[in-house]
Protein backbone atom coordinates (compact mmCIF):
# COMPACT_ATOMS: atom_id res chain seq x y z
CA MET A 1 -64.36 41.77 46.51
CA THR A 2 -64.20 37.74 47.67
CA LYS A 3 -65.99 37.12 51.24
CA GLU A 4 -63.58 35.24 53.71
CA PRO A 5 -65.04 32.64 55.91
CA GLU A 6 -65.35 33.66 59.54
CA GLY A 7 -64.46 31.38 62.66
CA GLU A 8 -61.66 29.08 63.51
CA GLY A 9 -60.10 25.79 63.27
CA PRO A 10 -62.63 23.42 61.95
CA GLY A 11 -64.54 26.58 60.31
CA LEU A 12 -61.25 26.42 57.53
CA PRO A 13 -63.22 25.20 53.96
CA VAL A 14 -61.42 22.26 52.61
CA ALA A 15 -62.18 20.88 49.33
CA GLY A 16 -60.09 17.87 49.85
CA ILE A 17 -57.74 15.49 51.68
CA ILE A 18 -54.75 13.57 50.51
CA PRO A 19 -54.46 10.58 53.06
CA PHE A 20 -51.06 9.78 51.93
CA SER A 21 -48.33 12.03 50.55
CA ALA A 22 -44.12 12.10 50.21
CA THR A 23 -43.94 15.19 47.76
CA ASP A 24 -46.13 17.81 50.06
CA TRP A 25 -43.33 18.73 52.71
CA PRO A 26 -39.91 17.35 51.56
CA GLY A 27 -38.30 14.79 53.68
CA ARG A 28 -41.46 13.23 55.48
CA LEU A 29 -44.65 11.76 54.67
CA THR A 30 -48.15 13.66 55.11
CA ALA A 31 -51.69 14.18 54.80
CA THR A 32 -52.45 16.82 53.20
CA VAL A 33 -55.63 19.08 53.10
CA PHE A 34 -56.23 21.72 50.26
CA THR A 35 -58.28 24.84 51.07
CA GLN A 36 -60.93 26.03 49.24
CA GLY A 37 -60.56 29.84 47.61
CA CYS A 38 -57.12 31.56 46.00
CA PRO A 39 -57.37 35.41 45.45
CA TRP A 40 -54.72 35.51 42.20
CA ARG A 41 -55.19 33.82 39.22
CA CYS A 42 -52.14 32.73 37.71
CA VAL A 43 -52.18 31.79 34.22
CA TYR A 44 -50.58 28.37 34.40
CA CYS A 45 -53.19 27.14 37.35
CA HIS A 46 -53.53 23.48 37.20
CA ASN A 47 -56.72 23.34 39.33
CA PRO A 48 -58.74 26.16 39.49
CA SER A 49 -61.80 24.52 40.73
CA LEU A 50 -60.01 25.65 44.16
CA GLN A 51 -60.03 29.38 43.20
CA ASP A 52 -63.36 30.52 44.14
CA VAL A 53 -64.36 30.84 48.32
CA GLY A 54 -66.78 28.43 49.09
CA THR A 55 -67.92 26.51 52.02
CA GLY A 56 -65.31 22.92 51.06
CA SER A 57 -66.55 19.32 50.61
CA HIS A 58 -64.77 18.23 53.62
CA GLU A 59 -64.41 19.34 57.28
CA PHE A 60 -60.87 20.18 58.70
CA GLY A 61 -61.95 17.52 61.65
CA GLU A 62 -61.96 14.81 59.08
CA ALA A 63 -58.07 15.51 58.23
CA LEU A 64 -57.22 15.38 62.53
CA GLU A 65 -59.03 12.53 62.73
CA LEU A 66 -56.96 11.05 59.33
CA MET A 67 -53.88 11.95 61.57
CA GLU A 68 -55.19 10.49 64.61
CA CYS A 69 -55.54 7.52 63.18
CA ARG A 70 -52.15 7.56 61.68
CA ARG A 71 -50.39 8.84 64.57
CA GLY A 72 -47.06 7.63 64.30
CA LEU A 73 -47.19 6.77 60.61
CA LEU A 74 -47.29 10.22 59.22
CA ASP A 75 -44.68 12.79 59.88
CA GLY A 76 -46.69 15.70 59.89
CA LEU A 77 -50.02 17.61 58.10
CA VAL A 78 -49.92 19.77 55.34
CA ILE A 79 -52.17 22.71 54.73
CA SER A 80 -52.52 23.71 51.39
CA GLY A 81 -54.79 25.43 48.64
CA GLY A 82 -56.17 27.91 47.25
CA GLU A 83 -54.46 29.92 49.44
CA PRO A 84 -54.42 29.10 53.19
CA THR A 85 -54.06 32.27 54.64
CA MET A 86 -56.89 34.13 53.19
CA HIS A 87 -58.88 32.32 55.59
CA ARG A 88 -59.93 33.65 59.16
CA ALA A 89 -60.13 30.41 60.58
CA LEU A 90 -56.28 29.03 59.44
CA PRO A 91 -54.70 29.76 63.00
CA GLY A 92 -56.89 28.24 64.67
CA ALA A 93 -56.91 25.17 62.25
CA ILE A 94 -52.98 25.55 62.73
CA ARG A 95 -53.55 26.04 66.42
CA GLU A 96 -55.71 22.48 67.17
CA ALA A 97 -53.60 20.62 64.58
CA HIS A 98 -50.45 21.55 67.58
CA ARG A 99 -52.65 20.88 70.33
CA ARG A 100 -52.86 17.27 69.03
CA GLY A 101 -49.23 17.20 69.02
CA PHE A 102 -48.99 17.14 64.96
CA PRO A 103 -46.44 19.40 63.28
CA VAL A 104 -47.68 21.30 60.42
CA GLY A 105 -46.42 22.34 57.42
CA LEU A 106 -47.64 25.31 55.06
CA HIS A 107 -48.12 26.17 51.09
CA THR A 108 -48.38 30.17 50.64
CA CYS A 109 -48.13 32.65 48.36
CA GLY A 110 -47.58 35.31 50.51
CA TYR A 111 -50.40 37.50 49.48
CA ALA A 112 -51.09 38.73 52.77
CA PRO A 113 -48.15 39.49 54.40
CA ALA A 114 -49.35 40.89 57.78
CA ARG A 115 -51.28 37.99 58.10
CA LEU A 116 -48.40 35.57 57.59
CA ALA A 117 -46.80 37.75 60.22
CA ALA A 118 -49.40 36.98 62.91
CA LEU A 119 -49.34 33.40 62.68
CA LEU A 120 -45.42 33.46 62.31
CA ASP A 121 -45.37 35.84 65.66
CA ASP A 122 -47.26 32.48 67.82
CA GLU A 123 -45.88 29.42 68.32
CA LEU A 124 -49.07 27.96 68.71
CA THR A 125 -49.43 29.24 65.30
CA ARG A 126 -46.65 28.97 63.10
CA PRO A 127 -45.99 25.72 61.06
CA GLU A 128 -43.04 24.04 61.49
CA TRP A 129 -42.23 24.25 57.57
CA ILE A 130 -43.39 26.67 54.78
CA GLY A 131 -43.56 26.21 51.06
CA LEU A 132 -43.51 29.80 49.87
CA ASP A 133 -44.41 30.27 46.38
CA VAL A 134 -42.64 32.98 44.98
CA LYS A 135 -44.62 34.06 41.31
CA ALA A 136 -42.55 36.11 39.93
CA LEU A 137 -40.60 39.35 40.48
CA PRO A 138 -42.68 42.10 41.74
CA ALA A 139 -42.73 43.82 38.47
CA ASP A 140 -44.13 40.75 37.04
CA LEU A 141 -46.05 39.52 39.30
CA PRO A 142 -49.03 41.23 38.13
CA SER A 143 -49.25 39.63 34.56
CA VAL A 144 -48.66 35.79 36.34
CA VAL A 145 -51.08 35.80 38.78
CA GLY A 146 -53.44 38.77 37.96
CA CYS A 147 -52.87 40.84 40.89
CA THR A 148 -52.25 45.37 41.00
CA SER A 149 -49.13 46.59 40.90
CA ALA A 150 -49.34 47.42 44.90
CA VAL A 151 -50.15 44.26 45.83
CA ALA A 152 -47.28 42.79 44.41
CA GLU A 153 -44.73 44.84 46.01
CA ARG A 154 -46.92 44.06 49.27
CA SER A 155 -46.41 40.32 48.59
CA ALA A 156 -43.05 40.27 47.99
CA THR A 157 -42.21 41.33 51.75
CA ALA A 158 -43.51 38.15 52.41
CA LEU A 159 -40.23 36.26 51.50
CA GLY A 160 -38.17 38.60 54.11
CA LEU A 161 -40.56 37.96 56.94
CA VAL A 162 -40.39 34.34 56.18
CA ALA A 163 -36.57 34.55 55.92
CA GLU A 164 -36.08 36.37 59.11
CA THR A 165 -38.87 34.09 61.01
CA ALA A 166 -36.91 30.99 60.10
CA LEU A 167 -33.89 32.14 61.40
CA ARG A 168 -34.94 33.72 64.71
CA THR A 169 -36.88 30.41 64.88
CA GLY A 170 -35.25 27.52 62.98
CA MET A 171 -38.41 27.21 61.11
CA GLU A 172 -37.74 25.62 58.09
CA VAL A 173 -38.58 26.41 54.25
CA GLN A 174 -38.62 26.11 50.55
CA VAL A 175 -38.87 28.65 48.67
CA ARG A 176 -40.38 28.03 44.63
CA THR A 177 -40.71 29.39 41.47
CA THR A 178 -42.95 28.02 38.76
CA VAL A 179 -41.93 28.45 35.00
CA TRP A 180 -42.93 27.95 31.87
CA ARG A 181 -40.79 28.10 28.27
CA GLY A 182 -40.10 31.53 27.32
CA GLY A 183 -42.78 33.31 29.55
CA VAL A 184 -41.84 36.30 31.98
CA VAL A 185 -40.56 33.99 35.08
CA ASP A 186 -38.19 32.05 32.61
CA ARG A 187 -36.74 35.42 31.14
CA ASN A 188 -36.17 36.75 34.55
CA LEU A 189 -35.08 33.71 36.42
CA GLY A 190 -31.96 34.84 36.97
CA GLU A 191 -32.70 37.72 38.52
CA LEU A 192 -35.50 35.71 40.35
CA ARG A 193 -32.63 33.17 42.02
CA GLU A 194 -30.16 35.88 42.99
CA LEU A 195 -32.96 38.02 45.27
CA VAL A 196 -33.98 34.59 47.14
CA ALA A 197 -30.40 33.58 47.51
CA ALA A 198 -30.01 37.31 49.00
CA HIS A 199 -32.45 35.91 51.78
CA GLY A 200 -30.38 32.74 52.72
CA PHE A 201 -32.33 29.77 50.06
CA ASP A 202 -31.95 27.94 47.00
CA LEU A 203 -34.91 28.33 44.24
CA VAL A 204 -36.98 25.55 43.75
CA VAL A 205 -38.01 25.71 40.21
CA GLN A 206 -41.25 23.87 38.95
CA GLN A 207 -41.85 23.39 35.22
CA ALA A 208 -45.81 24.46 34.61
CA ARG A 209 -47.83 21.06 33.16
CA ASN A 210 -50.19 21.02 29.82
CA VAL A 211 -49.90 25.27 29.45
CA ASP A 212 -49.74 27.20 25.95
CA PRO A 213 -46.72 29.29 24.52
CA GLU A 214 -48.22 32.07 26.90
CA GLY A 215 -48.45 29.82 30.03
CA VAL A 216 -52.09 28.91 29.91
CA TYR A 217 -53.28 26.10 31.40
CA ARG A 218 -55.08 23.88 28.83
CA LEU A 219 -57.02 20.58 30.19
CA PRO A 220 -55.01 17.80 28.13
CA ALA A 221 -57.09 15.92 25.58
């Protein structure tokens, strides 16, 4: 079983920092941090070096210092992964960013709805924007990310949780998925769109890059 790092705020394991991004939070210019560790193994994952849990090569404080230096130039800080919600330090990291006056965007696959609910229930740790990566329909999820059917059913509740929070608080949301030609997500894309639309969102579809016909990522030659 993967061991989760303990601690708050600066203890968040950061594998990398992008000092300027125009793509990680639609309509905003951000700095983006990538946390180390992910519980899933998506067949098309193009950054497998982020999968294993580790201490990371950066401190979260570095991202906060960067935001301070660019105060007024950047619109917010995005926390991506890996999967940020697997780390117990995430709430403290968001809380500290908010304390300094920085809006926060969060990328998550929703694998741990209970943790996500706790994050969203507290206005001090609730992101201003969430990019929710709905990997597949619940029945298809195990074949796409390598989880169990029980985990797939549980993670499916994250969509409703995020939708309810957005309606209640005005939190911004983007729901997205990744497809490859002829793959299970592609074949059932219409049903997935309907599921997402039932919660009030349009589904943003991304194409997997550098994958074989089975959707498995291959390093470019």
